[in-house]
C-alpha cells in the first residue's frame, strides 16, 4: 500500500468557537482506496500557511510512502532540513500526518488503533470540561464572575462530569512571566473557593494558567490555592525552563500539569527528569503523533506520572486522544469540549460517544471517526487571525 494524495481542510469553527477559531484537518489517500484523517494543532502561522506546510511535507516525505512504516516516516520528517530537534510547527504537521497513517493502518487490519498499541485497558474514559458560558451569555461577564462560574460548575457536575477546569488568574502576554498582582491572587482564590463550595467533593478542580508567572509568583499563588485541594495547577511557569517549573512543584502540594505546548519525547523527558510535573498534558495534534504519545506515556509511567491529553482544537485530535488514552495504563483524565456536541459533532459523520462524564472508546477501525467533508467545505476559515493570540503589551 502507498499514499498517493493528500487533501487539507481549514475549517472555521462557528460561534461560540469552543475549541478555537479554526481546525486544520487533512486526509491521506492510498492506492488501495483506504483514506485516513488527521488534525494538526499548530498556531505559529496562519492556518492556510500551515496547510501549505502539510502539502510540502507530504510531497517530500509522504506521497509514495507506505503508511505502515511510521518510524521511518517520523524520522524523515523530524530530521528534514538538518534539524533533528523539536520544532513546534513541523511537529504539528507531522502529528496530523502520523495520526492519519494510523487511521489507515487500523482500517486496513479492521482494528481500532488502541488495539494495535497494547489493547484496551479501560472501557470508558473519565473526562472533564472547561467552564464555558451558555450560548445566551456574554463571555466577558461570565469569565469575570466567580459565582456564575460556580453555578456553571454545578451544572456540569449534574451532567456527570467529575472534574472542571477554569483559569481566572488574569491575562497573559508575550512579556510573561510576571509576578501575579494581589488582585490576581484574590480573584483566583475567590473562584476556587466558590467552585469548591458549590461542587464539594463531587468534582476535582483543575486550575489553569497559561505559563504567565515567575517561579516565585507561581509559588505565592499556589500556597493560596492549596486549602481547596485542586487536582492540578496547570503550566504555572512558561514551558521553556522545566527546571524552574520543578521548583514550583517542590514548593506546593498541588500536582503540576503541563505539556500542551511541548513536542516529542525529548521535551517531555526534561519535564520528568526535572520533576516539573506529575501530569503530562500532551496534545496529540502537536506532540508528534500517536506512537510518540505512547512513548511519552511509557516514560511517564516509570516516574509514576500520568497523562491527561489536552484538547483545544477539533474532534479529530480528540479521537486520537481517545485512542491513546484507551490503551495507556497511566491515563488520568481526558479533556472534552463539553459533551462533544455542537459543531464538534456536526463536523463528524458520527459524533464521539459521551455518557455520564465518560467518553466511550469507539469500536470502529482506525481512529473510529470520519470527517464530514460537506460540513468542512461549507465552513471555510477566511480570517487571518491565529488559533490563539497573546497580548503584545505587558500586564
Protein backbone atom coordinates (compact mmCIF):
# COMPACT_ATOMS: atom_id res chain seq x y z
CA UNK A 1 0.00 0.00 0.00
CA UNK A 2 1.21 3.50 -0.86
CA UNK A 3 -0.06 7.00 -0.08
CA UNK A 4 -0.89 8.75 -3.34
CA UNK A 5 -2.55 12.04 -2.37
CA UNK A 6 -3.34 14.48 0.43
CA UNK A 7 -6.21 16.89 0.97
CA UNK A 8 -6.29 19.72 3.53
CA UNK A 9 -9.24 21.46 5.15
CA UNK A 10 -9.03 24.76 7.05
CA UNK A 11 -12.39 24.85 8.77
CA UNK A 12 -13.89 27.84 10.55
CA UNK A 13 -15.32 26.91 13.94
CA UNK A 14 -18.63 28.81 14.17
CA UNK A 15 -19.62 30.79 17.29
CA UNK A 16 -19.23 30.25 20.19
CA UNK A 17 -15.81 28.99 18.92
CA UNK A 18 -15.29 26.46 21.73
CA UNK A 19 -12.04 24.73 20.84
CA UNK A 20 -10.62 27.64 18.87
CA UNK A 21 -11.28 29.83 15.84
CA UNK A 22 -10.49 27.13 13.30
CA UNK A 23 -9.49 23.49 12.83
CA UNK A 24 -6.86 22.16 10.40
CA UNK A 25 -7.72 18.71 9.08
CA UNK A 26 -6.02 16.54 6.48
CA UNK A 27 -6.85 13.38 4.61
CA UNK A 28 -4.33 10.89 3.21
CA UNK A 29 -5.48 8.77 0.27
CA UNK A 30 -3.89 5.42 -0.61
CA UNK A 31 -3.68 3.44 -3.83
CA UNK A 32 -5.91 0.79 -2.23
CA UNK A 33 -8.72 3.30 -1.72
CA UNK A 34 -8.37 3.47 2.08
CA UNK A 35 -8.33 7.03 3.43
CA UNK A 36 -7.10 8.30 6.77
CA UNK A 37 -7.85 11.55 8.58
CA UNK A 38 -5.69 13.64 10.89
CA UNK A 39 -5.68 17.01 12.62
CA UNK A 40 -2.82 19.48 13.02
CA UNK A 41 -2.63 21.61 16.16
CA UNK A 42 -0.30 24.41 15.05
CA UNK A 43 -0.84 28.07 15.84
CA UNK A 44 2.51 29.59 14.97
CA UNK A 45 1.49 30.71 11.46
CA UNK A 46 -1.80 31.39 9.75
CA UNK A 47 -3.78 28.20 9.11
CA UNK A 48 -3.58 28.45 5.33
CA UNK A 49 0.22 28.63 5.62
CA UNK A 50 0.09 25.52 7.80
CA UNK A 51 -2.00 23.80 5.11
CA UNK A 52 0.75 24.60 2.59
CA UNK A 53 3.30 23.17 5.05
CA UNK A 54 1.28 19.96 5.17
CA UNK A 55 1.33 19.75 1.39
CA UNK A 56 5.08 20.45 1.29
CA UNK A 57 5.93 17.79 3.88
CA UNK A 58 3.68 15.28 2.12
CA UNK A 59 5.29 15.99 -1.25
CA UNK A 60 8.78 15.46 0.21
CA UNK A 61 8.19 12.55 2.58
CA UNK A 62 4.69 11.07 2.44
CA UNK A 63 3.45 10.62 -1.13
CA UNK A 64 4.63 7.20 -2.28
CA UNK A 65 5.30 6.16 1.33
CA UNK A 66 3.95 3.01 2.98
CA UNK A 67 1.63 4.23 5.81
CA UNK A 68 2.66 1.24 7.95
CA UNK A 69 6.24 2.49 8.19
CA UNK A 70 5.52 5.02 10.96
CA UNK A 71 9.02 5.10 12.48
CA UNK A 72 10.74 5.72 9.14
CA UNK A 73 8.28 8.47 8.21
CA UNK A 74 8.70 10.08 11.65
CA UNK A 75 12.49 10.19 11.48
CA UNK A 76 12.50 11.51 7.91
CA UNK A 77 10.26 14.45 8.80
CA UNK A 78 11.83 15.10 12.21
CA UNK A 79 15.31 15.31 10.73
CA UNK A 80 14.44 17.07 7.46
CA UNK A 81 16.45 20.14 6.57
CA UNK A 82 19.26 19.24 9.01
CA UNK A 83 17.14 19.81 12.13
CA UNK A 84 16.88 16.78 14.45
CA UNK A 85 15.31 18.91 17.18
CA UNK A 86 11.75 19.66 18.29
CA UNK A 87 10.06 22.26 16.09
CA UNK A 88 6.51 23.07 17.14
CA UNK A 89 5.27 23.84 13.60
CA UNK A 90 6.85 20.83 11.92
CA UNK A 91 5.77 18.54 14.74
CA UNK A 92 2.19 19.76 14.45
CA UNK A 93 2.23 18.92 10.75
CA UNK A 94 3.87 15.55 11.40
CA UNK A 95 1.37 14.77 14.16
CA UNK A 96 -1.61 15.18 11.84
CA UNK A 97 0.03 13.12 9.10
CA UNK A 98 1.07 10.40 11.54
CA UNK A 99 -2.41 10.03 13.04
CA UNK A 100 -3.86 9.78 9.51
CA UNK A 101 -1.42 6.93 8.82
CA UNK A 102 -2.65 5.13 11.95
CA UNK A 103 -6.23 5.66 10.77
CA UNK A 104 -5.28 3.94 7.50
CA UNK A 105 -3.47 1.11 9.30
CA UNK A 106 -6.43 0.45 11.59
CA UNK A 107 -8.86 0.40 8.69
CA UNK A 108 -6.61 -1.95 6.72
CA UNK A 109 -6.46 -4.51 9.54
CA UNK A 110 -10.01 -3.73 10.75
CA UNK A 111 -8.98 -2.78 14.28
CA UNK A 112 -9.19 0.38 16.39
CA UNK A 113 -5.76 1.99 16.82
CA UNK A 114 -5.75 1.24 20.55
CA UNK A 115 -5.83 -2.50 19.80
CA UNK A 116 -2.58 -2.09 17.85
CA UNK A 117 -0.78 -0.28 20.69
CA UNK A 118 -1.28 -2.68 23.57
CA UNK A 119 -5.04 -3.10 23.59
CA UNK A 120 -7.83 -1.65 25.64
CA UNK A 121 -7.13 -1.23 29.36
CA UNK A 122 -10.36 0.60 30.23
CA UNK A 123 -13.86 0.55 28.81
CA UNK A 124 -14.59 4.21 29.49
CA UNK A 125 -12.50 7.33 29.90
CA UNK A 126 -13.07 9.87 32.64
CA UNK A 127 -13.42 13.34 31.10
CA UNK A 128 -13.50 16.97 32.16
CA UNK A 129 -14.68 20.17 30.55
CA UNK A 130 -13.67 23.78 30.72
CA UNK A 131 -16.26 26.08 32.27
CA UNK A 132 -17.95 27.60 29.20
CA UNK A 133 -20.73 30.21 29.27
CA UNK A 134 -24.14 29.37 27.90
CA UNK A 135 -24.77 30.50 24.34
CA UNK A 136 -27.02 33.35 25.53
CA UNK A 137 -24.41 34.69 27.99
CA UNK A 138 -21.84 37.41 27.48
CA UNK A 139 -18.46 35.61 27.74
CA UNK A 140 -16.63 38.59 29.25
CA UNK A 141 -19.01 38.98 32.13
CA UNK A 142 -19.22 35.22 32.65
CA UNK A 143 -15.46 34.74 32.96
CA UNK A 144 -15.25 37.60 35.45
CA UNK A 145 -17.97 36.25 37.75
CA UNK A 146 -16.90 33.60 40.30
CA UNK A 147 -20.48 32.98 41.43
CA UNK A 148 -21.65 32.33 37.89
CA UNK A 149 -18.70 30.00 37.33
CA UNK A 150 -19.66 28.12 40.48
CA UNK A 151 -23.22 27.76 39.20
CA UNK A 152 -21.95 26.57 35.84
CA UNK A 153 -19.61 24.07 37.50
CA UNK A 154 -22.55 22.62 39.41
CA UNK A 155 -24.49 22.32 36.15
CA UNK A 156 -21.65 20.34 34.58
CA UNK A 157 -21.37 18.12 37.65
CA UNK A 158 -25.11 17.41 37.44
CA UNK A 159 -24.50 16.22 33.86
CA UNK A 160 -21.97 13.69 35.12
CA UNK A 161 -18.63 15.47 34.94
CA UNK A 162 -16.32 14.72 37.88
CA UNK A 163 -13.82 17.48 37.10
CA UNK A 164 -13.98 21.03 35.71
CA UNK A 165 -11.26 23.41 34.54
CA UNK A 166 -11.10 27.19 34.76
CA UNK A 167 -8.40 29.88 34.53
CA UNK A 168 -9.24 33.05 36.49
CA UNK A 169 -5.63 34.14 37.08
CA UNK A 170 -5.76 37.01 34.59
CA UNK A 171 -4.45 37.84 31.13
CA UNK A 172 -1.19 36.59 29.65
CA UNK A 173 1.23 38.23 27.27
CA UNK A 174 4.43 37.77 25.27
CA UNK A 175 6.24 39.56 28.14
CA UNK A 176 5.45 36.89 30.73
CA UNK A 177 6.43 35.52 33.19
CA UNK A 178 5.47 38.11 35.78
CA UNK A 179 4.51 38.33 39.42
CA UNK A 180 0.76 37.93 39.99
CA UNK A 181 -0.83 41.05 41.39
CA UNK A 182 -2.71 40.94 44.67
CA UNK A 183 -5.89 41.25 42.60
CA UNK A 184 -4.84 38.22 40.51
CA UNK A 185 -4.32 36.19 43.66
CA UNK A 186 -7.52 37.35 45.36
CA UNK A 187 -9.60 36.69 42.24
CA UNK A 188 -8.09 33.22 41.81
CA UNK A 189 -8.75 32.29 45.42
CA UNK A 190 -12.33 33.53 45.20
CA UNK A 191 -13.02 31.44 42.09
CA UNK A 192 -11.54 28.29 43.60
CA UNK A 193 -13.34 28.83 46.91
CA UNK A 194 -16.74 29.44 45.30
CA UNK A 195 -16.47 26.48 42.94
CA UNK A 196 -15.28 24.16 45.72
CA UNK A 197 -18.21 25.27 47.89
CA UNK A 198 -20.60 24.57 45.02
CA UNK A 199 -19.39 21.11 43.99
CA UNK A 200 -17.96 19.87 47.29
CA UNK A 201 -16.17 16.56 46.78
CA UNK A 202 -18.24 15.62 43.74
CA UNK A 203 -15.66 17.04 41.32
CA UNK A 204 -11.98 17.82 41.06
CA UNK A 205 -10.92 21.39 40.37
CA UNK A 206 -8.40 21.91 37.59
CA UNK A 207 -6.76 25.31 37.97
CA UNK A 208 -5.45 26.56 34.65
CA UNK A 209 -2.92 29.25 33.90
CA UNK A 210 -1.00 29.97 30.72
CA UNK A 211 2.57 29.92 31.96
CA UNK A 212 2.30 33.57 32.88
CA UNK A 213 4.00 33.65 36.29
CA UNK A 214 7.55 33.68 37.59
CA UNK A 215 8.65 30.81 39.78
CA UNK A 216 8.27 32.89 42.94
CA UNK A 217 4.91 34.25 41.76
CA UNK A 218 3.56 30.79 40.96
CA UNK A 219 4.59 29.53 44.40
CA UNK A 220 2.84 32.50 46.07
CA UNK A 221 -0.34 31.75 44.15
CA UNK A 222 -0.19 28.00 44.75
CA UNK A 223 0.12 28.46 48.51
CA UNK A 224 -3.14 30.44 48.49
CA UNK A 225 -4.95 27.73 46.50
CA UNK A 226 -3.78 24.71 48.50
CA UNK A 227 -6.60 24.77 51.11
CA UNK A 228 -9.11 23.97 48.33
CA UNK A 229 -7.17 20.93 47.09
CA UNK A 230 -7.16 21.36 43.29
CA UNK A 231 -6.23 18.25 41.31
CA UNK A 232 -3.71 20.30 39.36
CA UNK A 233 -2.02 23.65 38.84
CA UNK A 234 -1.60 23.89 35.07
CA UNK A 235 1.50 25.35 33.44
CA UNK A 236 2.40 27.67 36.36
CA UNK A 237 5.53 28.94 34.59
CA UNK A 238 6.43 29.11 30.88
CA UNK A 239 7.27 25.78 29.21
CA UNK A 240 10.79 26.75 28.15
CA UNK A 241 12.52 26.19 31.53
CA UNK A 242 11.38 22.95 33.14
CA UNK A 243 13.91 23.26 35.97
CA UNK A 244 12.10 26.35 37.24
CA UNK A 245 8.74 24.62 36.95
CA UNK A 246 10.28 21.86 39.02
CA UNK A 247 10.99 24.39 41.76
CA UNK A 248 7.28 25.25 41.80
CA UNK A 249 6.37 21.57 42.01
CA UNK A 250 8.60 21.09 45.06
CA UNK A 251 7.07 24.07 46.86
CA UNK A 252 3.39 23.12 46.61
CA UNK A 253 1.15 20.19 47.47
CA UNK A 254 -0.88 20.77 44.28
CA UNK A 255 0.17 18.43 41.43
CA UNK A 256 1.63 20.30 38.46
CA UNK A 257 0.29 19.63 34.96
CA UNK A 258 1.96 20.75 31.75
CA UNK A 259 2.51 19.78 28.14
CA UNK A 260 0.11 21.42 25.68
CA UNK A 261 2.97 23.49 24.20
CA UNK A 262 5.56 20.71 24.22
CA UNK A 263 6.52 18.34 21.41
CA UNK A 264 8.32 15.00 21.24
CA UNK A 265 9.68 12.60 23.80
CA UNK A 266 12.74 14.82 24.18
CA UNK A 267 10.90 17.80 25.65
CA UNK A 268 8.69 15.63 27.85
CA UNK A 269 11.78 13.78 29.10
CA UNK A 270 13.10 17.05 30.53
CA UNK A 271 9.81 17.61 32.35
CA UNK A 272 10.14 14.21 34.00
CA UNK A 273 13.87 14.50 34.72
CA UNK A 274 13.39 17.91 36.37
CA UNK A 275 10.35 16.63 38.30
CA UNK A 276 8.48 19.61 36.88
CA UNK A 277 5.11 17.88 36.57
CA UNK A 278 3.36 14.66 37.51
CA UNK A 279 0.57 15.11 34.95
CA UNK A 280 1.51 15.37 31.26
CA UNK A 281 -0.98 17.17 29.02
CA UNK A 282 0.27 16.02 25.65
CA UNK A 283 -1.75 17.26 22.66
CA UNK A 284 -1.85 14.53 20.01
CA UNK A 285 -2.04 17.04 17.17
CA UNK A 286 1.23 18.65 18.26
CA UNK A 287 3.35 16.29 20.37
CA UNK A 288 4.49 14.12 17.46
CA UNK A 289 1.52 11.85 16.90
CA UNK A 290 0.08 8.69 18.36
CA UNK A 291 3.19 6.50 18.55
CA UNK A 292 5.20 9.37 20.00
CA UNK A 293 2.46 9.86 22.60
CA UNK A 294 2.72 6.18 23.50
CA UNK A 295 6.47 6.59 24.04
CA UNK A 296 5.90 9.70 26.19
CA UNK A 297 3.30 7.85 28.25
CA UNK A 298 5.75 4.97 28.72
CA UNK A 299 8.44 7.30 30.02
CA UNK A 300 5.91 8.91 32.36
CA UNK A 301 4.91 5.52 33.72
CA UNK A 302 8.45 4.95 35.02
CA UNK A 303 8.16 8.18 37.05
CA UNK A 304 4.65 7.32 38.31
CA UNK A 305 3.40 10.29 36.28
CA UNK A 306 0.09 10.24 34.43
CA UNK A 307 -1.22 11.56 31.14
CA UNK A 308 -4.21 13.84 30.66
CA UNK A 309 -4.42 14.55 26.90
CA UNK A 310 -5.05 18.21 26.14
CA UNK A 311 -7.72 19.39 23.70
CA UNK A 312 -8.18 22.89 22.40
CA UNK A 313 -8.96 22.16 18.77
CA UNK A 314 -11.24 19.82 16.85
CA UNK A 315 -12.60 16.30 17.33
CA UNK A 316 -10.11 14.51 15.07
CA UNK A 317 -7.34 15.28 17.55
CA UNK A 318 -9.91 14.42 20.20
CA UNK A 319 -10.35 11.00 18.59
CA UNK A 320 -6.58 10.43 18.64
CA UNK A 321 -6.54 11.45 22.32
CA UNK A 322 -9.21 8.82 22.96
CA UNK A 323 -7.23 6.10 21.19
CA UNK A 324 -4.05 6.71 23.22
CA UNK A 325 -5.97 7.07 26.49
CA UNK A 326 -7.77 3.76 25.96
CA UNK A 327 -4.52 1.76 25.75
CA UNK A 328 -2.45 3.63 28.35
CA UNK A 329 -2.25 2.26 31.92
CA UNK A 330 -1.23 5.62 33.45
CA UNK A 331 -4.11 7.60 31.94
CA UNK A 332 -5.71 10.08 34.37
CA UNK A 333 -8.40 12.11 32.61
CA UNK A 334 -9.36 13.34 29.15
CA UNK A 335 -10.22 16.89 28.12
CA UNK A 336 -13.63 17.20 26.46
CA UNK A 337 -15.29 20.18 24.81
CA UNK A 338 -18.39 19.88 26.96
CA UNK A 339 -20.19 16.72 25.76
CA UNK A 340 -18.67 16.75 22.23
CA UNK A 341 -21.86 18.24 20.83
CA UNK A 342 -22.46 21.27 18.61
CA UNK A 343 -20.01 21.76 15.75
CA UNK A 344 -17.71 19.09 17.18
CA UNK A 345 -20.49 16.60 16.40
CA UNK A 346 -21.53 18.17 13.09
CA UNK A 347 -18.02 18.00 11.61
CA UNK A 348 -18.02 14.20 12.08
CA UNK A 349 -20.26 11.70 10.34
CA UNK A 350 -20.85 10.10 13.75
CA UNK A 351 -20.23 12.04 16.99
CA UNK A 352 -17.91 10.94 19.78
CA UNK A 353 -19.85 9.00 22.40
CA UNK A 354 -20.06 10.63 25.84
CA UNK A 355 -22.07 9.19 28.74
CA UNK A 356 -22.38 10.46 32.31
CA UNK A 357 -18.96 12.09 32.47
CA UNK A 358 -17.12 9.44 30.48
CA UNK A 359 -16.08 9.01 26.85
CA UNK A 360 -16.81 5.57 25.43
CA UNK A 361 -13.97 4.38 23.17
CA UNK A 362 -15.18 3.54 19.65
CA UNK A 363 -15.03 0.02 18.26
CA UNK A 364 -14.78 1.13 14.63
CA UNK A 365 -11.40 0.61 12.93
CA UNK A 366 -8.71 3.27 12.84
CA UNK A 367 -9.42 6.45 14.78
CA UNK A 368 -13.08 5.50 14.93
CA UNK A 369 -14.31 8.76 13.41
CA UNK A 370 -14.83 10.15 9.91
CA UNK A 371 -14.67 13.75 8.77
CA UNK A 372 -17.91 15.11 7.30
CA UNK A 373 -16.38 16.72 4.23
CA UNK A 374 -19.59 18.51 3.24
CA UNK A 375 -19.64 20.33 6.60
CA UNK A 376 -15.90 21.02 6.38
CA UNK A 377 -16.17 22.55 2.91
CA UNK A 378 -19.26 24.56 3.88
CA UNK A 379 -17.36 26.24 6.75
CA UNK A 380 -14.07 27.58 5.35
CA UNK A 381 -11.95 29.78 7.61
CA UNK A 382 -11.47 33.11 5.83
CA UNK A 383 -9.98 35.28 8.59
CA UNK A 384 -6.27 35.83 9.21
CA UNK A 385 -6.20 35.54 13.00
CA UNK A 386 -4.20 32.80 14.67
CA UNK A 387 -5.76 29.98 16.65
CA UNK A 388 -4.62 31.64 19.88
CA UNK A 389 -3.13 35.12 20.22
CA UNK A 390 -1.26 36.52 23.20
CA UNK A 391 -1.33 40.15 24.20
CA UNK A 392 1.63 42.09 22.82
CA UNK A 393 1.63 44.52 25.76
CA UNK A 394 2.90 43.78 29.28
CA UNK A 395 0.38 43.26 32.08
